[in-house]
């Protein structure tokens, strides 16, 4: 089931990419102040080509993701937990054609029988981008506060904790037009809070894992 969901997300991205390529080309090569049907000529050979309009300096953007969470298999972590859901929302700014900074808030969770783990990351980070008018691969890294909770009735644990953590990710933007892109991203979270039971016992629990997301990025 988990593999099927990942394949479905990837399939949606591929299908959207094929449709978006034609749409972006029409947008970029359409009329530019001339008569209807008149197209701007390509730049002279050897001339400096400006960055795509979605890669301008200081351009802010909003993004939203929805996907699946794959828990880690650490015996001191979430071994045996089922896959769960994940979402995140964020804002950022393209400070150069190749680099952006952003802030994100989100949440992911997983269950194993009556046990449940949930994490709300509040993070900030940087994104390194390979500029392209249509398809832009990128890698991202950052850190922040992770608000984690673990419910384990068998161990009498119901203990919210806040811990510094970090993440690494890789993905790609498929630009539909200079303001809107579809986004595919795989991200790994690193966080290990210490939880306490009602009897006073404590456990360091690895609450990290993979998230696989499909979403949208919109430039202001």
C-alpha atoms as a PDB file:
ATOM      1  CA  UNK A   1       0.000   0.000   0.000  1.00  0.00           C
ATOM      2  CA  UNK A   2       2.821   2.389   0.895  1.00  0.00           C
ATOM      3  CA  UNK A   3       4.649   1.687  -2.386  1.00  0.00           C
ATOM      4  CA  UNK A   4       1.450   2.147  -4.360  1.00  0.00           C
ATOM      5  CA  UNK A   5       0.925   5.582  -2.813  1.00  0.00           C
ATOM      6  CA  UNK A   6       4.463   6.694  -3.655  1.00  0.00           C
ATOM      7  CA  UNK A   7       4.106   5.406  -7.242  1.00  0.00           C
ATOM      8  CA  UNK A   8       0.768   7.219  -7.571  1.00  0.00           C
ATOM      9  CA  UNK A   9       2.360  10.521  -6.457  1.00  0.00           C
ATOM     10  CA  UNK A  10       5.199  10.046  -8.936  1.00  0.00           C
ATOM     11  CA  UNK A  11       2.754   9.195 -11.725  1.00  0.00           C
ATOM     12  CA  UNK A  12       0.738  12.339 -11.094  1.00  0.00           C
ATOM     13  CA  UNK A  13       3.920  14.395 -11.281  1.00  0.00           C
ATOM     14  CA  UNK A  14       4.968  12.845 -14.614  1.00  0.00           C
ATOM     15  CA  UNK A  15       1.534  13.399 -16.144  1.00  0.00           C
ATOM     16  CA  UNK A  16       1.416  16.998 -14.942  1.00  0.00           C
ATOM     17  CA  UNK A  17       4.922  17.613 -16.295  1.00  0.00           C
ATOM     18  CA  UNK A  18       3.940  16.607 -19.840  1.00  0.00           C
ATOM     19  CA  UNK A  19       0.927  18.903 -19.824  1.00  0.00           C
ATOM     20  CA  UNK A  20       2.818  21.756 -18.209  1.00  0.00           C
ATOM     21  CA  UNK A  21       5.631  21.823 -20.753  1.00  0.00           C
ATOM     22  CA  UNK A  22       3.329  22.908 -23.569  1.00  0.00           C
ATOM     23  CA  UNK A  23       1.521  25.390 -21.334  1.00  0.00           C
ATOM     24  CA  UNK A  24       4.729  27.052 -20.165  1.00  0.00           C
ATOM     25  CA  UNK A  25       6.082  27.293 -23.709  1.00  0.00           C
ATOM     26  CA  UNK A  26       2.868  28.980 -24.858  1.00  0.00           C
ATOM     27  CA  UNK A  27       3.049  31.401 -21.934  1.00  0.00           C
ATOM     28  CA  UNK A  28       6.685  32.342 -22.496  1.00  0.00           C
ATOM     29  CA  UNK A  29       6.438  32.718 -26.282  1.00  0.00           C
ATOM     30  CA  UNK A  30       3.042  34.396 -26.427  1.00  0.00           C
ATOM     31  CA  UNK A  31       2.260  38.009 -27.473  1.00  0.00           C
ATOM     32  CA  UNK A  32       4.354  40.648 -25.711  1.00  0.00           C
ATOM     33  CA  UNK A  33       2.661  43.915 -26.361  1.00  0.00           C
ATOM     34  CA  UNK A  34       2.360  43.409 -30.117  1.00  0.00           C
ATOM     35  CA  UNK A  35      -0.553  42.501 -32.342  1.00  0.00           C
ATOM     36  CA  UNK A  36      -2.509  39.311 -31.510  1.00  0.00           C
ATOM     37  CA  UNK A  37      -0.565  36.331 -32.744  1.00  0.00           C
ATOM     38  CA  UNK A  38       2.743  38.237 -32.869  1.00  0.00           C
ATOM     39  CA  UNK A  39       5.628  36.509 -31.026  1.00  0.00           C
ATOM     40  CA  UNK A  40       8.848  37.914 -29.663  1.00  0.00           C
ATOM     41  CA  UNK A  41      11.949  36.672 -31.526  1.00  0.00           C
ATOM     42  CA  UNK A  42      14.520  34.575 -29.625  1.00  0.00           C
ATOM     43  CA  UNK A  43      17.590  36.417 -28.287  1.00  0.00           C
ATOM     44  CA  UNK A  44      20.595  36.692 -30.651  1.00  0.00           C
ATOM     45  CA  UNK A  45      23.048  33.813 -30.476  1.00  0.00           C
ATOM     46  CA  UNK A  46      25.714  34.550 -27.873  1.00  0.00           C
ATOM     47  CA  UNK A  47      23.599  37.155 -26.067  1.00  0.00           C
ATOM     48  CA  UNK A  48      23.281  36.885 -22.280  1.00  0.00           C
ATOM     49  CA  UNK A  49      20.008  35.207 -21.380  1.00  0.00           C
ATOM     50  CA  UNK A  50      18.277  36.642 -18.291  1.00  0.00           C
ATOM     51  CA  UNK A  51      17.092  34.238 -15.583  1.00  0.00           C
ATOM     52  CA  UNK A  52      13.510  32.910 -15.837  1.00  0.00           C
ATOM     53  CA  UNK A  53      10.872  35.283 -14.519  1.00  0.00           C
ATOM     54  CA  UNK A  54      10.177  32.951 -11.587  1.00  0.00           C
ATOM     55  CA  UNK A  55      13.865  33.258 -10.534  1.00  0.00           C
ATOM     56  CA  UNK A  56      14.074  37.011 -10.057  1.00  0.00           C
ATOM     57  CA  UNK A  57      15.972  38.467  -7.089  1.00  0.00           C
ATOM     58  CA  UNK A  58      13.885  38.875  -3.957  1.00  0.00           C
ATOM     59  CA  UNK A  59      10.794  37.150  -5.335  1.00  0.00           C
ATOM     60  CA  UNK A  60       8.662  35.793  -2.438  1.00  0.00           C
ATOM     61  CA  UNK A  61       6.609  32.612  -2.726  1.00  0.00           C
ATOM     62  CA  UNK A  62       4.150  30.388  -0.879  1.00  0.00           C
ATOM     63  CA  UNK A  63       4.129  26.590  -0.945  1.00  0.00           C
ATOM     64  CA  UNK A  64       1.960  23.741   0.336  1.00  0.00           C
ATOM     65  CA  UNK A  65       2.602  19.995   0.394  1.00  0.00           C
ATOM     66  CA  UNK A  66       0.564  16.880   1.121  1.00  0.00           C
ATOM     67  CA  UNK A  67       1.993  13.379   1.237  1.00  0.00           C
ATOM     68  CA  UNK A  68       2.936  10.319   3.231  1.00  0.00           C
ATOM     69  CA  UNK A  69       5.217   9.751   6.221  1.00  0.00           C
ATOM     70  CA  UNK A  70       7.437   6.651   6.342  1.00  0.00           C
ATOM     71  CA  UNK A  71       8.649   6.071   9.945  1.00  0.00           C
ATOM     72  CA  UNK A  72      12.225   5.069  10.738  1.00  0.00           C
ATOM     73  CA  UNK A  73      12.913   1.420  11.631  1.00  0.00           C
ATOM     74  CA  UNK A  74      15.113   2.149  14.674  1.00  0.00           C
ATOM     75  CA  UNK A  75      14.346  -0.182  17.611  1.00  0.00           C
ATOM     76  CA  UNK A  76      14.667   2.923  19.808  1.00  0.00           C
ATOM     77  CA  UNK A  77      12.392   4.778  17.448  1.00  0.00           C
ATOM     78  CA  UNK A  78       9.305   3.977  15.397  1.00  0.00           C
ATOM     79  CA  UNK A  79      10.049   0.399  14.388  1.00  0.00           C
ATOM     80  CA  UNK A  80       6.779  -1.385  13.561  1.00  0.00           C
ATOM     81  CA  UNK A  81       4.758   1.816  13.094  1.00  0.00           C
ATOM     82  CA  UNK A  82       2.582   2.062   9.982  1.00  0.00           C
ATOM     83  CA  UNK A  83       2.970   4.790   7.382  1.00  0.00           C
ATOM     84  CA  UNK A  84       1.068   7.971   8.157  1.00  0.00           C
ATOM     85  CA  UNK A  85       0.126  11.272   6.592  1.00  0.00           C
ATOM     86  CA  UNK A  86       2.184  14.440   6.279  1.00  0.00           C
ATOM     87  CA  UNK A  87       1.564  18.064   5.323  1.00  0.00           C
ATOM     88  CA  UNK A  88       3.470  21.328   5.400  1.00  0.00           C
ATOM     89  CA  UNK A  89       2.961  24.988   4.566  1.00  0.00           C
ATOM     90  CA  UNK A  90       5.591  27.659   4.118  1.00  0.00           C
ATOM     91  CA  UNK A  91       6.751  30.977   2.734  1.00  0.00           C
ATOM     92  CA  UNK A  92      10.112  31.936   1.305  1.00  0.00           C
ATOM     93  CA  UNK A  93      12.073  34.238  -0.933  1.00  0.00           C
ATOM     94  CA  UNK A  94      14.206  33.599  -4.012  1.00  0.00           C
ATOM     95  CA  UNK A  95      17.231  35.673  -2.978  1.00  0.00           C
ATOM     96  CA  UNK A  96      19.112  34.753  -6.168  1.00  0.00           C
ATOM     97  CA  UNK A  97      18.432  32.599  -9.245  1.00  0.00           C
ATOM     98  CA  UNK A  98      20.250  29.699  -7.512  1.00  0.00           C
ATOM     99  CA  UNK A  99      19.298  30.114  -3.843  1.00  0.00           C
ATOM    100  CA  UNK A 100      16.191  30.623  -1.729  1.00  0.00           C
ATOM    101  CA  UNK A 101      15.396  30.766   1.983  1.00  0.00           C
ATOM    102  CA  UNK A 102      12.113  29.629   3.489  1.00  0.00           C
ATOM    103  CA  UNK A 103      10.231  28.850   6.674  1.00  0.00           C
ATOM    104  CA  UNK A 104       7.914  25.879   7.112  1.00  0.00           C
ATOM    105  CA  UNK A 105       5.319  24.592   9.561  1.00  0.00           C
ATOM    106  CA  UNK A 106       3.825  21.138   9.152  1.00  0.00           C
ATOM    107  CA  UNK A 107       2.965  17.872  10.797  1.00  0.00           C
ATOM    108  CA  UNK A 108       3.384  14.113  10.453  1.00  0.00           C
ATOM    109  CA  UNK A 109       2.145  11.133  12.442  1.00  0.00           C
ATOM    110  CA  UNK A 110       2.136   7.334  12.579  1.00  0.00           C
ATOM    111  CA  UNK A 111       0.415   4.575  14.568  1.00  0.00           C
ATOM    112  CA  UNK A 112       1.185   1.090  15.861  1.00  0.00           C
ATOM    113  CA  UNK A 113      -1.900  -0.450  17.419  1.00  0.00           C
ATOM    114  CA  UNK A 114      -2.948   1.807  20.300  1.00  0.00           C
ATOM    115  CA  UNK A 115       0.390   3.665  20.222  1.00  0.00           C
ATOM    116  CA  UNK A 116       0.678   6.917  18.297  1.00  0.00           C
ATOM    117  CA  UNK A 117       3.515   9.310  17.485  1.00  0.00           C
ATOM    118  CA  UNK A 118       3.001  12.834  16.159  1.00  0.00           C
ATOM    119  CA  UNK A 119       5.426  15.640  15.340  1.00  0.00           C
ATOM    120  CA  UNK A 120       4.906  19.291  14.355  1.00  0.00           C
ATOM    121  CA  UNK A 121       8.123  20.764  12.856  1.00  0.00           C
ATOM    122  CA  UNK A 122       8.637  24.535  12.800  1.00  0.00           C
ATOM    123  CA  UNK A 123      11.745  25.003  10.667  1.00  0.00           C
ATOM    124  CA  UNK A 124      13.764  27.410   8.572  1.00  0.00           C
ATOM    125  CA  UNK A 125      16.314  26.546   5.905  1.00  0.00           C
ATOM    126  CA  UNK A 126      17.932  27.176   2.547  1.00  0.00           C
ATOM    127  CA  UNK A 127      17.293  25.737  -0.892  1.00  0.00           C
ATOM    128  CA  UNK A 128      19.967  25.328  -3.595  1.00  0.00           C
ATOM    129  CA  UNK A 129      18.417  25.407  -7.078  1.00  0.00           C
ATOM    130  CA  UNK A 130      19.549  24.518 -10.597  1.00  0.00           C
ATOM    131  CA  UNK A 131      17.804  27.322 -12.569  1.00  0.00           C
ATOM    132  CA  UNK A 132      15.760  26.380 -15.624  1.00  0.00           C
ATOM    133  CA  UNK A 133      12.725  27.972 -17.323  1.00  0.00           C
ATOM    134  CA  UNK A 134      10.627  24.861 -16.736  1.00  0.00           C
ATOM    135  CA  UNK A 135      12.176  22.051 -14.651  1.00  0.00           C
ATOM    136  CA  UNK A 136      14.225  23.017 -11.561  1.00  0.00           C
ATOM    137  CA  UNK A 137      15.860  20.314  -9.393  1.00  0.00           C
ATOM    138  CA  UNK A 138      16.773  21.498  -5.899  1.00  0.00           C
ATOM    139  CA  UNK A 139      18.155  20.343  -2.552  1.00  0.00           C
ATOM    140  CA  UNK A 140      17.179  21.783   0.815  1.00  0.00           C
ATOM    141  CA  UNK A 141      18.415  21.683   4.399  1.00  0.00           C
ATOM    142  CA  UNK A 142      17.381  23.377   7.613  1.00  0.00           C
ATOM    143  CA  UNK A 143      16.710  23.160  11.331  1.00  0.00           C
ATOM    144  CA  UNK A 144      14.207  24.258  13.900  1.00  0.00           C
ATOM    145  CA  UNK A 145      11.920  23.283  16.749  1.00  0.00           C
ATOM    146  CA  UNK A 146      10.101  19.943  16.651  1.00  0.00           C
ATOM    147  CA  UNK A 147       7.018  19.635  18.871  1.00  0.00           C
ATOM    148  CA  UNK A 148       6.706  15.888  19.449  1.00  0.00           C
ATOM    149  CA  UNK A 149       4.220  13.759  21.346  1.00  0.00           C
ATOM    150  CA  UNK A 150       4.185  10.013  22.030  1.00  0.00           C
ATOM    151  CA  UNK A 151       1.148   8.127  23.324  1.00  0.00           C
ATOM    152  CA  UNK A 152       1.916   4.622  24.594  1.00  0.00           C
ATOM    153  CA  UNK A 153      -0.799   3.371  26.981  1.00  0.00           C
ATOM    154  CA  UNK A 154       1.150   0.169  27.726  1.00  0.00           C
ATOM    155  CA  UNK A 155       4.076   2.232  29.077  1.00  0.00           C
ATOM    156  CA  UNK A 156       1.915   5.008  30.592  1.00  0.00           C
ATOM    157  CA  UNK A 157       3.479   7.597  28.248  1.00  0.00           C
ATOM    158  CA  UNK A 158       1.588  10.706  27.148  1.00  0.00           C
ATOM    159  CA  UNK A 159       4.332  13.277  27.155  1.00  0.00           C
ATOM    160  CA  UNK A 160       4.638  16.251  24.748  1.00  0.00           C
ATOM    161  CA  UNK A 161       8.209  17.417  24.233  1.00  0.00           C
ATOM    162  CA  UNK A 162       9.996  20.159  22.289  1.00  0.00           C
ATOM    163  CA  UNK A 163      13.367  19.389  20.725  1.00  0.00           C
ATOM    164  CA  UNK A 164      15.722  20.951  18.195  1.00  0.00           C
ATOM    165  CA  UNK A 165      15.922  18.922  15.008  1.00  0.00           C
ATOM    166  CA  UNK A 166      16.881  19.197  11.366  1.00  0.00           C
ATOM    167  CA  UNK A 167      15.935  18.003   7.901  1.00  0.00           C
ATOM    168  CA  UNK A 168      17.402  17.304   4.465  1.00  0.00           C
ATOM    169  CA  UNK A 169      15.420  17.131   1.240  1.00  0.00           C
ATOM    170  CA  UNK A 170      15.626  16.845  -2.537  1.00  0.00           C
ATOM    171  CA  UNK A 171      12.950  17.672  -5.064  1.00  0.00           C
ATOM    172  CA  UNK A 172      11.986  19.431  -8.256  1.00  0.00           C
ATOM    173  CA  UNK A 173       9.685  22.247  -9.375  1.00  0.00           C
ATOM    174  CA  UNK A 174       7.741  21.926 -12.642  1.00  0.00           C
ATOM    175  CA  UNK A 175       6.759  25.473 -13.635  1.00  0.00           C
ATOM    176  CA  UNK A 176       3.308  25.782 -15.229  1.00  0.00           C
ATOM    177  CA  UNK A 177       3.841  29.522 -15.752  1.00  0.00           C
ATOM    178  CA  UNK A 178       6.171  32.157 -14.229  1.00  0.00           C
ATOM    179  CA  UNK A 179       4.116  32.243 -11.020  1.00  0.00           C
ATOM    180  CA  UNK A 180       2.980  28.654 -10.380  1.00  0.00           C
ATOM    181  CA  UNK A 181       4.834  25.349 -10.140  1.00  0.00           C
ATOM    182  CA  UNK A 182       4.023  21.781  -9.211  1.00  0.00           C
ATOM    183  CA  UNK A 183       6.499  20.437  -6.670  1.00  0.00           C
ATOM    184  CA  UNK A 184       7.704  16.938  -5.776  1.00  0.00           C
ATOM    185  CA  UNK A 185       9.866  16.462  -2.694  1.00  0.00           C
ATOM    186  CA  UNK A 186      11.397  13.738  -0.531  1.00  0.00           C
ATOM    187  CA  UNK A 187      12.466  14.931   2.931  1.00  0.00           C
ATOM    188  CA  UNK A 188      14.100  13.222   5.913  1.00  0.00           C
ATOM    189  CA  UNK A 189      13.569  14.585   9.446  1.00  0.00           C
ATOM    190  CA  UNK A 190      16.094  14.091  12.266  1.00  0.00           C
ATOM    191  CA  UNK A 191      14.786  14.521  15.824  1.00  0.00           C
ATOM    192  CA  UNK A 192      15.198  12.479  19.038  1.00  0.00           C
ATOM    193  CA  UNK A 193      13.284  13.804  22.062  1.00  0.00           C
ATOM    194  CA  UNK A 194      13.317  12.245  25.543  1.00  0.00           C
ATOM    195  CA  UNK A 195       9.919  11.095  26.840  1.00  0.00           C
ATOM    196  CA  UNK A 196       8.954  10.290  30.443  1.00  0.00           C
ATOM    197  CA  UNK A 197       6.361   7.866  31.762  1.00  0.00           C
ATOM    198  CA  UNK A 198       4.147   8.455  34.777  1.00  0.00           C
ATOM    199  CA  UNK A 199       6.484   6.183  36.803  1.00  0.00           C
ATOM    200  CA  UNK A 200       9.482   8.430  36.088  1.00  0.00           C
ATOM    201  CA  UNK A 201      11.208   6.199  33.517  1.00  0.00           C
ATOM    202  CA  UNK A 202      12.613   7.959  30.447  1.00  0.00           C
ATOM    203  CA  UNK A 203      13.284   6.969  26.821  1.00  0.00           C
ATOM    204  CA  UNK A 204      15.159   8.684  23.988  1.00  0.00           C
ATOM    205  CA  UNK A 205      12.946   8.050  20.976  1.00  0.00           C
ATOM    206  CA  UNK A 206      13.950   8.599  17.335  1.00  0.00           C
ATOM    207  CA  UNK A 207      10.896  10.379  15.907  1.00  0.00           C
ATOM    208  CA  UNK A 208      12.360  10.970  12.450  1.00  0.00           C
ATOM    209  CA  UNK A 209      11.634   9.445   9.074  1.00  0.00           C
ATOM    210  CA  UNK A 210      10.912  10.109   5.419  1.00  0.00           C
ATOM    211  CA  UNK A 211       8.131  12.261   4.013  1.00  0.00           C
ATOM    212  CA  UNK A 212       7.238  12.058   0.311  1.00  0.00           C
ATOM    213  CA  UNK A 213       5.195  15.044  -0.853  1.00  0.00           C
ATOM    214  CA  UNK A 214       3.391  16.479  -3.839  1.00  0.00           C
ATOM    215  CA  UNK A 215       2.460  20.139  -3.757  1.00  0.00           C
ATOM    216  CA  UNK A 216       2.383  23.557  -5.339  1.00  0.00           C
ATOM    217  CA  UNK A 217       4.619  26.644  -5.204  1.00  0.00           C
ATOM    218  CA  UNK A 218       3.164  30.074  -6.018  1.00  0.00           C
ATOM    219  CA  UNK A 219       5.274  33.207  -6.494  1.00  0.00           C
ATOM    220  CA  UNK A 220       3.757  36.516  -5.375  1.00  0.00           C
END
